[in-house]
Amino acid sequence: MHPRLSEIATYVDAQRSALLAAAQELPEAAWPTRPAADQWSVSDVCEHLHRVERGSARLIAIRATEARAAGHPAEVEEGSMMQCLDFASLTDRSRRIEAPSRVAPEGGWTRAAALAALAGSRSELHAAIAAADGLALQGVRHAHPRLGEIDLYQWLLFIGQHDGDEGEGATHHGVHLRKGLSSTGEDQAKSGPGATAAGGGPDPASRRPTISVTCDACRASCWPMNNSHWYRSISPSRGWA
């Protein structure tokens, strides 16, 4: 694989691995449970990531195949493309928009179903990367609903950033899975299934051991073909913002 593409592919897979490692700290029975009707469970986050990744992978594969058939030139540069989305300010939390229905979770997935779906969309992404390998991907572009025309390196990098943790101030799924699980997991471990609260009755931590998340990043590209893209983000503490 070309070094530019290999670096991004490695990053994207590492981000997914880290996110899944964080999510699997939660007990299996808790994955499909929403704390409230307007808050996402861990399975919902995974379903959303699957839908975004699947749509993006298919777009990348189509554009790469078309470019190769048209005689698009080979990649001759080897400099890193890991900063190619820095201009997008994907961690900006000032704008809240609603996820289109095509990528919003329907809910109710088990952990097994969520993991199988993510494995499937990741396989599609790997196939798309293989289809794009060796092409000068800065010259293969597709209109993005928020960012305008971006190249296929940028589409690929976005998938990793959508999953992952970019440090302090980031608003991607990985950040909020980690933050939510750090408290939820502790409560679950202390209480266990069916535990009681100090004042009697079921412990809320065992009854609702799930988290809600913010997805400000995916407002940039939840669905690559949808030009009327809206996304309302979810806050870990306040539900719908």
C-alpha atoms as a PDB file:
ATOM      1  CA  MET A   1       0.000   0.000   0.000  1.00  0.00           C
ATOM      2  CA  HIS A   2       1.193   3.520  -0.766  1.00  0.00           C
ATOM      3  CA  PRO A   3       2.744   5.167   2.341  1.00  0.00           C
ATOM      4  CA  ARG A   4       0.278   8.093   2.347  1.00  0.00           C
ATOM      5  CA  LEU A   5      -2.716   5.792   2.278  1.00  0.00           C
ATOM      6  CA  SER A   6      -1.160   3.290   4.666  1.00  0.00           C
ATOM      7  CA  GLU A   7      -0.630   5.962   7.323  1.00  0.00           C
ATOM      8  CA  ILE A   8      -4.267   7.064   7.189  1.00  0.00           C
ATOM      9  CA  ALA A   9      -5.573   3.481   7.087  1.00  0.00           C
ATOM     10  CA  THR A  10      -3.499   2.590  10.159  1.00  0.00           C
ATOM     11  CA  TYR A  11      -4.838   5.627  11.999  1.00  0.00           C
ATOM     12  CA  VAL A  12      -8.447   4.857  11.075  1.00  0.00           C
ATOM     13  CA  ASP A  13      -8.167   1.262  12.304  1.00  0.00           C
ATOM     14  CA  ALA A  14      -6.452   2.342  15.517  1.00  0.00           C
ATOM     15  CA  GLN A  15      -9.241   4.797  16.281  1.00  0.00           C
ATOM     16  CA  ARG A  16     -11.877   2.122  15.808  1.00  0.00           C
ATOM     17  CA  SER A  17      -9.976  -0.326  17.998  1.00  0.00           C
ATOM     18  CA  ALA A  18      -9.689   2.232  20.784  1.00  0.00           C
ATOM     19  CA  LEU A  19     -13.372   3.123  20.592  1.00  0.00           C
ATOM     20  CA  LEU A  20     -14.462  -0.525  20.734  1.00  0.00           C
ATOM     21  CA  ALA A  21     -12.133  -1.227  23.632  1.00  0.00           C
ATOM     22  CA  ALA A  22     -13.786   1.599  25.565  1.00  0.00           C
ATOM     23  CA  ALA A  23     -17.316   0.514  24.632  1.00  0.00           C
ATOM     24  CA  GLN A  24     -16.744  -3.094  25.657  1.00  0.00           C
ATOM     25  CA  GLU A  25     -16.096  -2.017  29.223  1.00  0.00           C
ATOM     26  CA  LEU A  26     -19.887  -1.838  29.533  1.00  0.00           C
ATOM     27  CA  PRO A  27     -21.786  -5.082  30.244  1.00  0.00           C
ATOM     28  CA  GLU A  28     -23.426  -6.696  27.232  1.00  0.00           C
ATOM     29  CA  ALA A  29     -26.975  -6.269  28.524  1.00  0.00           C
ATOM     30  CA  ALA A  30     -26.481  -2.518  28.807  1.00  0.00           C
ATOM     31  CA  TRP A  31     -25.495  -1.904  25.187  1.00  0.00           C
ATOM     32  CA  PRO A  32     -28.995  -1.468  23.678  1.00  0.00           C
ATOM     33  CA  THR A  33     -30.492   0.436  26.634  1.00  0.00           C
ATOM     34  CA  ARG A  34     -31.144   4.161  26.220  1.00  0.00           C
ATOM     35  CA  PRO A  35     -31.147   6.309  29.367  1.00  0.00           C
ATOM     36  CA  ALA A  36     -34.040   8.277  27.839  1.00  0.00           C
ATOM     37  CA  ALA A  37     -35.944   8.368  24.581  1.00  0.00           C
ATOM     38  CA  ASP A  38     -33.768  11.179  23.233  1.00  0.00           C
ATOM     39  CA  GLN A  39     -30.403   9.778  24.324  1.00  0.00           C
ATOM     40  CA  TRP A  40     -28.220   7.248  22.546  1.00  0.00           C
ATOM     41  CA  SER A  41     -27.051   3.938  23.927  1.00  0.00           C
ATOM     42  CA  VAL A  42     -23.681   2.391  23.132  1.00  0.00           C
ATOM     43  CA  SER A  43     -25.354   0.252  20.474  1.00  0.00           C
ATOM     44  CA  ASP A  44     -26.902   3.389  18.980  1.00  0.00           C
ATOM     45  CA  VAL A  45     -23.467   4.990  18.691  1.00  0.00           C
ATOM     46  CA  CYS A  46     -22.159   1.864  16.970  1.00  0.00           C
ATOM     47  CA  GLU A  47     -25.142   1.754  14.611  1.00  0.00           C
ATOM     48  CA  HIS A  48     -24.595   5.396  13.686  1.00  0.00           C
ATOM     49  CA  LEU A  49     -20.890   4.840  13.079  1.00  0.00           C
ATOM     50  CA  HIS A  50     -21.736   1.845  10.906  1.00  0.00           C
ATOM     51  CA  ARG A  51     -24.167   3.862   8.774  1.00  0.00           C
ATOM     52  CA  VAL A  52     -21.713   6.731   8.312  1.00  0.00           C
ATOM     53  CA  GLU A  53     -18.822   4.408   7.502  1.00  0.00           C
ATOM     54  CA  ARG A  54     -20.829   2.296   5.068  1.00  0.00           C
ATOM     55  CA  GLY A  55     -22.027   5.320   3.093  1.00  0.00           C
ATOM     56  CA  SER A  56     -18.577   6.890   3.043  1.00  0.00           C
ATOM     57  CA  ALA A  57     -16.853   3.632   2.044  1.00  0.00           C
ATOM     58  CA  ARG A  58     -19.201   3.158  -0.888  1.00  0.00           C
ATOM     59  CA  LEU A  59     -18.627   6.714  -2.025  1.00  0.00           C
ATOM     60  CA  ILE A  60     -14.837   6.306  -1.836  1.00  0.00           C
ATOM     61  CA  ALA A  61     -14.970   3.015  -3.739  1.00  0.00           C
ATOM     62  CA  ILE A  62     -17.123   4.484  -6.508  1.00  0.00           C
ATOM     63  CA  ARG A  63     -14.984   7.584  -6.953  1.00  0.00           C
ATOM     64  CA  ALA A  64     -11.714   5.610  -6.874  1.00  0.00           C
ATOM     65  CA  THR A  65     -12.978   3.076  -9.401  1.00  0.00           C
ATOM     66  CA  GLU A  66     -14.173   5.825 -11.719  1.00  0.00           C
ATOM     67  CA  ALA A  67     -10.836   7.632 -11.420  1.00  0.00           C
ATOM     68  CA  ARG A  68      -8.806   4.512 -12.179  1.00  0.00           C
ATOM     69  CA  ALA A  69     -10.972   3.710 -15.205  1.00  0.00           C
ATOM     70  CA  ALA A  70     -10.448   7.265 -16.465  1.00  0.00           C
ATOM     71  CA  GLY A  71      -6.653   6.921 -16.278  1.00  0.00           C
ATOM     72  CA  HIS A  72      -6.145   9.050 -13.165  1.00  0.00           C
ATOM     73  CA  PRO A  73      -2.431   9.443 -12.377  1.00  0.00           C
ATOM     74  CA  ALA A  74      -0.560   7.429  -9.777  1.00  0.00           C
ATOM     75  CA  GLU A  75       0.497   8.936  -6.459  1.00  0.00           C
ATOM     76  CA  VAL A  76       4.111  10.112  -6.605  1.00  0.00           C
ATOM     77  CA  GLU A  77       4.255  12.123  -3.365  1.00  0.00           C
ATOM     78  CA  GLU A  78       4.972  10.500  -0.021  1.00  0.00           C
ATOM     79  CA  GLY A  79       4.484  13.345   2.471  1.00  0.00           C
ATOM     80  CA  SER A  80       2.017  12.741   5.291  1.00  0.00           C
ATOM     81  CA  MET A  81      -1.628  13.705   4.780  1.00  0.00           C
ATOM     82  CA  MET A  82      -2.553  13.421   8.451  1.00  0.00           C
ATOM     83  CA  GLN A  83      -3.128  17.164   8.779  1.00  0.00           C
ATOM     84  CA  CYS A  84      -5.253  17.523   5.669  1.00  0.00           C
ATOM     85  CA  LEU A  85      -8.476  18.074   7.639  1.00  0.00           C
ATOM     86  CA  ASP A  86      -7.094  20.576  10.121  1.00  0.00           C
ATOM     87  CA  PHE A  87      -8.853  23.421   8.291  1.00  0.00           C
ATOM     88  CA  ALA A  88     -12.278  21.900   9.012  1.00  0.00           C
ATOM     89  CA  SER A  89     -12.377  22.628  12.762  1.00  0.00           C
ATOM     90  CA  LEU A  90     -14.417  19.512  13.347  1.00  0.00           C
ATOM     91  CA  THR A  91     -14.300  20.040  17.117  1.00  0.00           C
ATOM     92  CA  ASP A  92     -16.269  23.302  16.895  1.00  0.00           C
ATOM     93  CA  ARG A  93     -19.255  22.919  19.233  1.00  0.00           C
ATOM     94  CA  SER A  94     -21.005  26.172  18.374  1.00  0.00           C
ATOM     95  CA  ARG A  95     -23.318  24.716  15.717  1.00  0.00           C
ATOM     96  CA  ARG A  96     -25.880  22.042  16.496  1.00  0.00           C
ATOM     97  CA  ILE A  97     -27.641  20.216  13.682  1.00  0.00           C
ATOM     98  CA  GLU A  98     -29.725  17.075  13.418  1.00  0.00           C
ATOM     99  CA  ALA A  99     -28.578  13.744  11.995  1.00  0.00           C
ATOM    100  CA  PRO A 100     -30.428  12.731   8.829  1.00  0.00           C
ATOM    101  CA  SER A 101     -32.632   9.673   9.264  1.00  0.00           C
ATOM    102  CA  ARG A 102     -30.378   7.669   6.933  1.00  0.00           C
ATOM    103  CA  VAL A 103     -27.607   7.627   9.535  1.00  0.00           C
ATOM    104  CA  ALA A 104     -29.570   8.067  12.763  1.00  0.00           C
ATOM    105  CA  PRO A 105     -29.815   4.849  14.794  1.00  0.00           C
ATOM    106  CA  GLU A 106     -33.070   2.924  14.844  1.00  0.00           C
ATOM    107  CA  GLY A 107     -32.066   1.478  18.198  1.00  0.00           C
ATOM    108  CA  GLY A 108     -32.376  -1.844  19.937  1.00  0.00           C
ATOM    109  CA  TRP A 109     -29.239  -3.495  18.557  1.00  0.00           C
ATOM    110  CA  THR A 110     -27.536  -6.066  20.745  1.00  0.00           C
ATOM    111  CA  ARG A 111     -23.804  -5.911  21.261  1.00  0.00           C
ATOM    112  CA  ALA A 112     -23.377  -8.814  18.841  1.00  0.00           C
ATOM    113  CA  ALA A 113     -25.410  -7.054  16.161  1.00  0.00           C
ATOM    114  CA  ALA A 114     -23.545  -3.773  16.664  1.00  0.00           C
ATOM    115  CA  LEU A 115     -20.131  -5.417  16.466  1.00  0.00           C
ATOM    116  CA  ALA A 116     -21.094  -7.457  13.411  1.00  0.00           C
ATOM    117  CA  ALA A 117     -22.359  -4.345  11.615  1.00  0.00           C
ATOM    118  CA  LEU A 118     -19.195  -2.403  12.412  1.00  0.00           C
ATOM    119  CA  ALA A 119     -17.078  -5.309  11.195  1.00  0.00           C
ATOM    120  CA  GLY A 120     -19.061  -5.341   7.957  1.00  0.00           C
ATOM    121  CA  SER A 121     -18.747  -1.627   7.278  1.00  0.00           C
ATOM    122  CA  ARG A 122     -15.053  -1.760   8.149  1.00  0.00           C
ATOM    123  CA  SER A 123     -14.613  -4.542   5.575  1.00  0.00           C
ATOM    124  CA  GLU A 124     -16.274  -2.281   3.010  1.00  0.00           C
ATOM    125  CA  LEU A 125     -13.907   0.506   3.979  1.00  0.00           C
ATOM    126  CA  HIS A 126     -10.878  -1.753   3.590  1.00  0.00           C
ATOM    127  CA  ALA A 127     -12.129  -2.741   0.139  1.00  0.00           C
ATOM    128  CA  ALA A 128     -12.547   0.934  -0.754  1.00  0.00           C
ATOM    129  CA  ILE A 129      -9.000   1.653   0.423  1.00  0.00           C
ATOM    130  CA  ALA A 130      -7.723  -1.180  -1.758  1.00  0.00           C
ATOM    131  CA  ALA A 131      -9.624   0.271  -4.718  1.00  0.00           C
ATOM    132  CA  ALA A 132      -8.001   3.660  -4.105  1.00  0.00           C
ATOM    133  CA  ASP A 133      -4.459   2.427  -3.452  1.00  0.00           C
ATOM    134  CA  GLY A 134      -1.806   3.922  -5.694  1.00  0.00           C
ATOM    135  CA  LEU A 135      -3.936   6.767  -7.033  1.00  0.00           C
ATOM    136  CA  ALA A 136      -3.120  10.425  -6.464  1.00  0.00           C
ATOM    137  CA  LEU A 137      -6.112  10.875  -4.193  1.00  0.00           C
ATOM    138  CA  GLN A 138      -5.735  14.624  -3.725  1.00  0.00           C
ATOM    139  CA  GLY A 139      -7.037  14.872  -7.265  1.00  0.00           C
ATOM    140  CA  VAL A 140     -10.093  12.667  -6.645  1.00  0.00           C
ATOM    141  CA  ARG A 141     -12.709  14.813  -4.999  1.00  0.00           C
ATOM    142  CA  HIS A 142     -16.350  14.728  -4.022  1.00  0.00           C
ATOM    143  CA  ALA A 143     -18.667  17.470  -2.786  1.00  0.00           C
ATOM    144  CA  HIS A 144     -19.172  17.433   0.956  1.00  0.00           C
ATOM    145  CA  PRO A 145     -22.395  18.913   2.415  1.00  0.00           C
ATOM    146  CA  ARG A 146     -20.521  21.200   4.817  1.00  0.00           C
ATOM    147  CA  LEU A 147     -16.907  21.350   3.681  1.00  0.00           C
ATOM    148  CA  GLY A 148     -17.409  21.628  -0.060  1.00  0.00           C
ATOM    149  CA  GLU A 149     -15.235  19.498  -2.299  1.00  0.00           C
ATOM    150  CA  ILE A 150     -12.741  17.421  -0.374  1.00  0.00           C
ATOM    151  CA  ASP A 151     -10.422  14.714  -1.623  1.00  0.00           C
ATOM    152  CA  LEU A 152     -10.463  11.025  -0.820  1.00  0.00           C
ATOM    153  CA  TYR A 153      -7.623  11.290   1.675  1.00  0.00           C
ATOM    154  CA  GLN A 154      -9.837  13.697   3.591  1.00  0.00           C
ATOM    155  CA  TRP A 155     -12.892  11.442   3.380  1.00  0.00           C
ATOM    156  CA  LEU A 156     -10.834   8.583   4.816  1.00  0.00           C
ATOM    157  CA  LEU A 157      -9.300  10.685   7.555  1.00  0.00           C
ATOM    158  CA  PHE A 158     -12.738  11.917   8.540  1.00  0.00           C
ATOM    159  CA  ILE A 159     -13.878   8.365   9.302  1.00  0.00           C
ATOM    160  CA  GLY A 160     -11.064   8.002  11.822  1.00  0.00           C
ATOM    161  CA  GLN A 161     -11.765  11.377  13.371  1.00  0.00           C
ATOM    162  CA  HIS A 162     -15.463  10.534  13.563  1.00  0.00           C
ATOM    163  CA  ASP A 163     -14.615   7.504  15.704  1.00  0.00           C
ATOM    164  CA  GLY A 164     -11.750   8.841  17.655  1.00  0.00           C
ATOM    165  CA  ASP A 165     -10.370  11.029  20.361  1.00  0.00           C
ATOM    166  CA  GLU A 166      -8.470  14.126  19.204  1.00  0.00           C
ATOM    167  CA  GLY A 167      -7.563  15.329  22.687  1.00  0.00           C
ATOM    168  CA  GLU A 168      -8.963  18.058  24.912  1.00  0.00           C
ATOM    169  CA  GLY A 169     -12.008  19.796  23.486  1.00  0.00           C
ATOM    170  CA  ALA A 170     -12.737  17.065  20.959  1.00  0.00           C
ATOM    171  CA  THR A 171     -16.338  16.139  20.387  1.00  0.00           C
ATOM    172  CA  HIS A 172     -16.035  12.797  18.635  1.00  0.00           C
ATOM    173  CA  HIS A 173     -17.697   9.559  19.694  1.00  0.00           C
ATOM    174  CA  GLY A 174     -14.593   8.062  21.221  1.00  0.00           C
ATOM    175  CA  VAL A 175     -14.208  10.945  23.661  1.00  0.00           C
ATOM    176  CA  HIS A 176     -17.704  10.655  25.011  1.00  0.00           C
ATOM    177  CA  LEU A 177     -17.699   6.890  25.170  1.00  0.00           C
ATOM    178  CA  ARG A 178     -14.591   7.158  27.331  1.00  0.00           C
ATOM    179  CA  LYS A 179     -16.024   9.924  29.518  1.00  0.00           C
ATOM    180  CA  GLY A 180     -19.381   8.227  29.890  1.00  0.00           C
ATOM    181  CA  LEU A 181     -17.964   4.787  30.545  1.00  0.00           C
ATOM    182  CA  SER A 182     -15.523   6.068  33.126  1.00  0.00           C
ATOM    183  CA  SER A 183     -18.436   6.895  35.408  1.00  0.00           C
ATOM    184  CA  THR A 184     -20.975   4.370  34.172  1.00  0.00           C
ATOM    185  CA  GLY A 185     -18.579   1.478  34.464  1.00  0.00           C
ATOM    186  CA  GLU A 186     -17.661   2.453  38.012  1.00  0.00           C
ATOM    187  CA  ASP A 187     -21.331   2.657  39.000  1.00  0.00           C
ATOM    188  CA  GLN A 188     -22.091  -0.679  37.374  1.00  0.00           C
ATOM    189  CA  ALA A 189     -19.152  -2.347  39.069  1.00  0.00           C
ATOM    190  CA  LYS A 190     -20.183  -0.999  42.470  1.00  0.00           C
ATOM    191  CA  SER A 191     -23.855  -1.777  42.151  1.00  0.00           C
ATOM    192  CA  GLY A 192     -24.103  -4.763  39.813  1.00  0.00           C
ATOM    193  CA  PRO A 193     -27.311  -5.886  38.164  1.00  0.00           C
ATOM    194  CA  GLY A 194     -30.364  -5.313  40.326  1.00  0.00           C
ATOM    195  CA  ALA A 195     -28.434  -3.518  43.044  1.00  0.00           C
ATOM    196  CA  THR A 196     -30.224  -1.131  45.364  1.00  0.00           C
ATOM    197  CA  ALA A 197     -29.512   2.508  46.011  1.00  0.00           C
ATOM    198  CA  ALA A 198     -28.630   3.758  49.472  1.00  0.00           C
ATOM    199  CA  GLY A 199     -32.198   4.941  50.052  1.00  0.00           C
ATOM    200  CA  GLY A 200     -33.769   1.656  48.868  1.00  0.00           C
ATOM    201  CA  GLY A 201     -35.134   0.633  45.493  1.00  0.00           C
ATOM    202  CA  PRO A 202     -33.259  -0.099  42.276  1.00  0.00           C
ATOM    203  CA  ASP A 203     -30.007   1.718  41.806  1.00  0.00           C
ATOM    204  CA  PRO A 204     -30.340   4.110  38.810  1.00  0.00           C
ATOM    205  CA  ALA A 205     -26.824   3.127  37.741  1.00  0.00           C
ATOM    206  CA  SER A 206     -27.867  -0.508  37.352  1.00  0.00           C
ATOM    207  CA  ARG A 207     -31.196   0.388  35.761  1.00  0.00           C
ATOM    208  CA  ARG A 208     -29.739   2.761  33.196  1.00  0.00           C
ATOM    209  CA  PRO A 209     -26.061   1.884  32.756  1.00  0.00           C
ATOM    210  CA  THR A 210     -25.713   3.655  29.423  1.00  0.00           C
ATOM    211  CA  ILE A 211     -24.435   6.920  28.110  1.00  0.00           C
ATOM    212  CA  SER A 212     -25.384   9.644  25.726  1.00  0.00           C
ATOM    213  CA  VAL A 213     -22.851  11.176  23.403  1.00  0.00           C
ATOM    214  CA  THR A 214     -22.080  14.247  21.403  1.00  0.00           C
ATOM    215  CA  CYS A 215     -21.544  13.899  17.673  1.00  0.00           C
ATOM    216  CA  ASP A 216     -20.574  17.369  16.524  1.00  0.00           C
ATOM    217  CA  ALA A 217     -17.943  15.898  14.216  1.00  0.00           C
ATOM    218  CA  CYS A 218     -20.328  13.873  12.113  1.00  0.00           C
ATOM    219  CA  ARG A 219     -22.277  16.986  11.251  1.00  0.00           C
ATOM    220  CA  ALA A 220     -19.499  17.409   8.714  1.00  0.00           C
ATOM    221  CA  SER A 221     -20.288  14.215   6.872  1.00  0.00           C
ATOM    222  CA  CYS A 222     -22.922  11.957   8.314  1.00  0.00           C
ATOM    223  CA  TRP A 223     -24.175  11.140   4.838  1.00  0.00           C
ATOM    224  CA  PRO A 224     -22.000  12.037   1.873  1.00  0.00           C
ATOM    225  CA  MET A 225     -24.828  12.257  -0.639  1.00  0.00           C
ATOM    226  CA  ASN A 226     -27.177  14.355   1.483  1.00  0.00           C
ATOM    227  CA  ASN A 227     -26.819  18.072   0.768  1.00  0.00           C
ATOM    228  CA  SER A 228     -29.455  19.109   3.292  1.00  0.00           C
ATOM    229  CA  HIS A 229     -27.488  17.781   6.232  1.00  0.00           C
ATOM    230  CA  TRP A 230     -28.718  18.481   9.748  1.00  0.00           C
ATOM    231  CA  TYR A 231     -27.552  17.132  13.044  1.00  0.00           C
ATOM    232  CA  ARG A 232     -28.722  17.783  16.584  1.00  0.00           C
ATOM    233  CA  SER A 233     -26.000  16.790  18.964  1.00  0.00           C
ATOM    234  CA  ILE A 234     -26.381  14.974  22.243  1.00  0.00           C
ATOM    235  CA  SER A 235     -24.647  16.126  25.369  1.00  0.00           C
ATOM    236  CA  PRO A 236     -23.384  13.617  27.954  1.00  0.00           C
ATOM    237  CA  SER A 237     -25.171  15.448  30.769  1.00  0.00           C
ATOM    238  CA  ARG A 238     -28.084  17.292  29.170  1.00  0.00           C
ATOM    239  CA  GLY A 239     -29.495  14.986  26.502  1.00  0.00           C
ATOM    240  CA  TRP A 240     -30.536  16.849  23.384  1.00  0.00           C
ATOM    241  CA  ALA A 241     -28.768  20.186  23.137  1.00  0.00           C
END
